Amino acid sequence: MDNKELEKKIMQALDDNKFGSFGTVEAGNKPKVRYMAVFHDGLSIYLATNRKTHKVEELKDNPNACLLLGYEQGGGKDVLEIEATVDVTKDEGLRAKVWNESLEKWFKGPDDPDYVILELSPSRIEYMGKNQEHGVWQASASAASSGK
C-alpha cells in the first residue's frame, strides 16, 4: 500500500472511531490510560480536556503519549496505534474548531477558561486493517512501509 492510500485509510479509521484510549506517563514513569473523545483534521489529532486534569500535568512533565483506536465490540474494525508528542493549547481558533455540543457536559462553552486542547503531533501511526492490511506511517520520513 502506498503512502497516499495508507493516509486515506488512517483518516477513515479516525472518522470511524470517535473515542480512543489515550496513554500518558505519570510520575514514577508509570503508564496511565484513559478513554477520550477524538477529533481530527486530516492527520492532525485533537483531544479536549480540562486544564486541571492529571493528564495535563503529566504531559507538562513528559509530552510523549499514545492513542489507540479501533477494534470495537466484536472486532472487525481497523486499528490505529498512534505515537505522538502532545502540546496543551488554549489557542482560540483551535478551541472553536474542536468545540461541539457533546462538550457542554464538561464546559460552559468554547470560552471556558478550563477548556484546553491536547494537540497531538504524530511521529508514527501503525495501521492494522480488518482485512489483514498493515502499514506504518512515519512523520520524519513521510513515508510508509507496508507489511503482510
C-alpha atoms as a PDB file:
ATOM      1  CA  MET A   1       0.000   0.000   0.000  1.00  0.00           C
ATOM      2  CA  ASP A   2       1.462   3.379  -0.958  1.00  0.00           C
ATOM      3  CA  ASN A   3       1.666   6.374   1.395  1.00  0.00           C
ATOM      4  CA  LYS A   4      -1.414   8.170  -0.018  1.00  0.00           C
ATOM      5  CA  GLU A   5      -3.563   5.041   0.302  1.00  0.00           C
ATOM      6  CA  LEU A   6      -2.272   4.476   3.840  1.00  0.00           C
ATOM      7  CA  GLU A   7      -3.047   8.076   4.856  1.00  0.00           C
ATOM      8  CA  LYS A   8      -6.548   7.698   3.415  1.00  0.00           C
ATOM      9  CA  LYS A   9      -7.125   4.501   5.444  1.00  0.00           C
ATOM     10  CA  ILE A  10      -5.778   6.180   8.595  1.00  0.00           C
ATOM     11  CA  MET A  11      -8.122   9.156   8.156  1.00  0.00           C
ATOM     12  CA  GLN A  12     -11.070   6.805   7.563  1.00  0.00           C
ATOM     13  CA  ALA A  13     -10.236   4.945  10.786  1.00  0.00           C
ATOM     14  CA  LEU A  14     -10.066   8.311  12.601  1.00  0.00           C
ATOM     15  CA  ASP A  15     -13.512   9.167  11.162  1.00  0.00           C
ATOM     16  CA  ASP A  16     -14.922   5.796  12.265  1.00  0.00           C
ATOM     17  CA  ASN A  17     -13.651   5.975  15.856  1.00  0.00           C
ATOM     18  CA  LYS A  18     -14.934   8.836  17.985  1.00  0.00           C
ATOM     19  CA  PHE A  19     -13.247   7.537  21.151  1.00  0.00           C
ATOM     20  CA  GLY A  20      -9.843   6.095  21.888  1.00  0.00           C
ATOM     21  CA  SER A  21      -7.543   5.009  24.697  1.00  0.00           C
ATOM     22  CA  PHE A  22      -5.110   7.826  25.434  1.00  0.00           C
ATOM     23  CA  GLY A  23      -1.921   6.956  27.289  1.00  0.00           C
ATOM     24  CA  THR A  24       0.469   9.265  29.105  1.00  0.00           C
ATOM     25  CA  VAL A  25       3.356   8.729  31.508  1.00  0.00           C
ATOM     26  CA  GLU A  26       2.652   9.671  35.115  1.00  0.00           C
ATOM     27  CA  ALA A  27       5.136  10.271  37.937  1.00  0.00           C
ATOM     28  CA  GLY A  28       7.441   7.339  38.509  1.00  0.00           C
ATOM     29  CA  ASN A  29       7.427   6.503  34.776  1.00  0.00           C
ATOM     30  CA  LYS A  30       4.187   4.561  35.095  1.00  0.00           C
ATOM     31  CA  PRO A  31       1.733   4.417  32.194  1.00  0.00           C
ATOM     32  CA  LYS A  32      -1.749   5.890  32.631  1.00  0.00           C
ATOM     33  CA  VAL A  33      -4.515   5.231  30.091  1.00  0.00           C
ATOM     34  CA  ARG A  34      -7.993   6.700  29.825  1.00  0.00           C
ATOM     35  CA  TYR A  35     -10.784   6.870  27.235  1.00  0.00           C
ATOM     36  CA  MET A  36     -11.181  10.181  25.446  1.00  0.00           C
ATOM     37  CA  ALA A  37     -13.198  11.677  22.615  1.00  0.00           C
ATOM     38  CA  VAL A  38     -11.072  12.048  19.486  1.00  0.00           C
ATOM     39  CA  PHE A  39     -11.294  14.862  16.917  1.00  0.00           C
ATOM     40  CA  HIS A  40      -9.151  15.274  13.821  1.00  0.00           C
ATOM     41  CA  ASP A  41      -8.465  17.344  10.736  1.00  0.00           C
ATOM     42  CA  GLY A  42      -6.535  15.103   8.389  1.00  0.00           C
ATOM     43  CA  LEU A  43      -3.675  13.667  10.425  1.00  0.00           C
ATOM     44  CA  SER A  44      -3.861  16.488  12.966  1.00  0.00           C
ATOM     45  CA  ILE A  45      -5.438  14.918  16.063  1.00  0.00           C
ATOM     46  CA  TYR A  46      -7.073  16.756  18.952  1.00  0.00           C
ATOM     47  CA  LEU A  47      -8.465  15.793  22.359  1.00  0.00           C
ATOM     48  CA  ALA A  48     -10.497  18.186  24.534  1.00  0.00           C
ATOM     49  CA  THR A  49      -9.872  18.218  28.271  1.00  0.00           C
ATOM     50  CA  ASN A  50      -9.929  20.275  31.425  1.00  0.00           C
ATOM     51  CA  ARG A  51      -6.696  22.128  32.180  1.00  0.00           C
ATOM     52  CA  LYS A  52      -6.910  20.934  35.813  1.00  0.00           C
ATOM     53  CA  THR A  53      -6.670  17.199  34.985  1.00  0.00           C
ATOM     54  CA  HIS A  54      -3.788  14.875  35.832  1.00  0.00           C
ATOM     55  CA  LYS A  55      -3.118  14.242  32.146  1.00  0.00           C
ATOM     56  CA  VAL A  56      -2.273  17.922  31.594  1.00  0.00           C
ATOM     57  CA  GLU A  57       0.251  17.801  34.442  1.00  0.00           C
ATOM     58  CA  GLU A  58       1.672  14.509  33.125  1.00  0.00           C
ATOM     59  CA  LEU A  59       2.116  15.998  29.651  1.00  0.00           C
ATOM     60  CA  LYS A  60       3.978  19.006  31.063  1.00  0.00           C
ATOM     61  CA  ASP A  61       6.491  16.585  32.589  1.00  0.00           C
ATOM     62  CA  ASN A  62       6.597  14.228  29.594  1.00  0.00           C
ATOM     63  CA  PRO A  63       4.926  15.205  26.283  1.00  0.00           C
ATOM     64  CA  ASN A  64       5.158  11.671  24.849  1.00  0.00           C
ATOM     65  CA  ALA A  65       1.833   9.871  24.548  1.00  0.00           C
ATOM     66  CA  CYS A  66      -0.004   7.211  22.604  1.00  0.00           C
ATOM     67  CA  LEU A  67      -3.537   6.850  21.298  1.00  0.00           C
ATOM     68  CA  LEU A  68      -5.148   3.511  20.442  1.00  0.00           C
ATOM     69  CA  LEU A  69      -8.269   3.458  18.250  1.00  0.00           C
ATOM     70  CA  GLY A  70     -10.410   0.702  16.805  1.00  0.00           C
ATOM     71  CA  TYR A  71     -11.200  -2.938  17.335  1.00  0.00           C
ATOM     72  CA  GLU A  72     -14.551  -2.175  18.858  1.00  0.00           C
ATOM     73  CA  GLN A  73     -17.023  -4.714  20.233  1.00  0.00           C
ATOM     74  CA  GLY A  74     -16.813  -7.952  18.307  1.00  0.00           C
ATOM     75  CA  GLY A  75     -13.729  -6.886  16.352  1.00  0.00           C
ATOM     76  CA  GLY A  76     -13.656  -6.434  12.623  1.00  0.00           C
ATOM     77  CA  LYS A  77     -12.668  -2.775  12.787  1.00  0.00           C
ATOM     78  CA  ASP A  78      -9.430  -1.190  11.647  1.00  0.00           C
ATOM     79  CA  VAL A  79      -6.938  -0.413  14.422  1.00  0.00           C
ATOM     80  CA  LEU A  80      -4.594   2.570  14.791  1.00  0.00           C
ATOM     81  CA  GLU A  81      -1.685   2.779  17.207  1.00  0.00           C
ATOM     82  CA  ILE A  82      -0.531   6.402  17.280  1.00  0.00           C
ATOM     83  CA  GLU A  83       2.697   7.586  18.895  1.00  0.00           C
ATOM     84  CA  ALA A  84       2.830  11.353  19.339  1.00  0.00           C
ATOM     85  CA  THR A  85       4.118  14.319  21.251  1.00  0.00           C
ATOM     86  CA  VAL A  86       1.406  16.495  22.744  1.00  0.00           C
ATOM     87  CA  ASP A  87       1.047  20.237  23.207  1.00  0.00           C
ATOM     88  CA  VAL A  88      -1.547  21.597  25.618  1.00  0.00           C
ATOM     89  CA  THR A  89      -3.050  24.689  23.999  1.00  0.00           C
ATOM     90  CA  LYS A  90      -5.690  27.305  24.679  1.00  0.00           C
ATOM     91  CA  ASP A  91      -5.495  28.565  21.061  1.00  0.00           C
ATOM     92  CA  GLU A  92      -8.857  30.273  20.478  1.00  0.00           C
ATOM     93  CA  GLY A  93      -9.133  29.155  16.853  1.00  0.00           C
ATOM     94  CA  LEU A  94      -8.440  25.533  17.727  1.00  0.00           C
ATOM     95  CA  ARG A  95     -10.826  25.593  20.700  1.00  0.00           C
ATOM     96  CA  ALA A  96     -13.582  26.920  18.432  1.00  0.00           C
ATOM     97  CA  LYS A  97     -12.771  24.348  15.743  1.00  0.00           C
ATOM     98  CA  VAL A  98     -12.973  21.365  18.135  1.00  0.00           C
ATOM     99  CA  TRP A  99     -15.957  22.652  20.135  1.00  0.00           C
ATOM    100  CA  ASN A 100     -19.264  20.782  19.766  1.00  0.00           C
ATOM    101  CA  GLU A 101     -22.389  20.227  21.833  1.00  0.00           C
ATOM    102  CA  SER A 102     -21.115  16.995  23.389  1.00  0.00           C
ATOM    103  CA  LEU A 103     -18.527  19.056  25.322  1.00  0.00           C
ATOM    104  CA  GLU A 104     -21.290  21.019  27.097  1.00  0.00           C
ATOM    105  CA  LYS A 105     -21.371  18.263  29.753  1.00  0.00           C
ATOM    106  CA  TRP A 106     -17.957  19.415  30.981  1.00  0.00           C
ATOM    107  CA  PHE A 107     -17.525  23.031  29.874  1.00  0.00           C
ATOM    108  CA  LYS A 108     -19.607  26.228  29.818  1.00  0.00           C
ATOM    109  CA  GLY A 109     -18.635  26.887  26.206  1.00  0.00           C
ATOM    110  CA  PRO A 110     -15.640  27.331  23.898  1.00  0.00           C
ATOM    111  CA  ASP A 111     -14.512  30.315  26.010  1.00  0.00           C
ATOM    112  CA  ASP A 112     -14.484  28.357  29.306  1.00  0.00           C
ATOM    113  CA  PRO A 113     -11.054  29.053  30.867  1.00  0.00           C
ATOM    114  CA  ASP A 114     -10.703  25.387  31.910  1.00  0.00           C
ATOM    115  CA  TYR A 115     -11.254  24.110  28.336  1.00  0.00           C
ATOM    116  CA  VAL A 116      -7.959  23.210  26.638  1.00  0.00           C
ATOM    117  CA  ILE A 117      -6.996  21.165  23.599  1.00  0.00           C
ATOM    118  CA  LEU A 118      -4.399  18.423  23.527  1.00  0.00           C
ATOM    119  CA  GLU A 119      -2.818  18.764  20.110  1.00  0.00           C
ATOM    120  CA  LEU A 120      -1.145  15.526  19.051  1.00  0.00           C
ATOM    121  CA  SER A 121       1.761  15.609  16.614  1.00  0.00           C
ATOM    122  CA  PRO A 122       2.022  12.009  15.412  1.00  0.00           C
ATOM    123  CA  SER A 123       5.505  10.662  14.811  1.00  0.00           C
ATOM    124  CA  ARG A 124       4.356   7.136  13.944  1.00  0.00           C
ATOM    125  CA  ILE A 125       0.974   5.628  13.115  1.00  0.00           C
ATOM    126  CA  GLU A 126       0.608   1.888  12.737  1.00  0.00           C
ATOM    127  CA  TYR A 127      -2.462   0.819  10.776  1.00  0.00           C
ATOM    128  CA  MET A 128      -3.841  -2.709  11.028  1.00  0.00           C
ATOM    129  CA  GLY A 129      -6.785  -3.280   8.728  1.00  0.00           C
ATOM    130  CA  LYS A 130      -9.645  -5.647   9.272  1.00  0.00           C
ATOM    131  CA  ASN A 131      -8.562  -7.499   6.110  1.00  0.00           C
ATOM    132  CA  GLN A 132      -5.003  -8.167   7.343  1.00  0.00           C
ATOM    133  CA  GLU A 133      -3.752  -4.940   5.757  1.00  0.00           C
ATOM    134  CA  HIS A 134      -0.824  -3.341   7.544  1.00  0.00           C
ATOM    135  CA  GLY A 135       1.135  -0.147   7.144  1.00  0.00           C
ATOM    136  CA  VAL A 136       3.304   2.195   9.155  1.00  0.00           C
ATOM    137  CA  TRP A 137       3.217   5.937   8.591  1.00  0.00           C
ATOM    138  CA  GLN A 138       6.250   7.868   9.867  1.00  0.00           C
ATOM    139  CA  ALA A 139       6.318  11.635  10.198  1.00  0.00           C
ATOM    140  CA  SER A 140      10.082  12.012   9.926  1.00  0.00           C
ATOM    141  CA  ALA A 141      10.339  10.235   6.612  1.00  0.00           C
ATOM    142  CA  SER A 142       6.755  10.990   5.488  1.00  0.00           C
ATOM    143  CA  ALA A 143       6.876   7.515   4.095  1.00  0.00           C
ATOM    144  CA  ALA A 144       5.072   4.310   4.744  1.00  0.00           C
ATOM    145  CA  SER A 145       6.338   0.809   4.855  1.00  0.00           C
ATOM    146  CA  SER A 146       3.911  -1.967   4.204  1.00  0.00           C
ATOM    147  CA  GLY A 147       3.896  -5.370   5.725  1.00  0.00           C
ATOM    148  CA  LYS A 148       1.891  -8.528   5.394  1.00  0.00           C
END
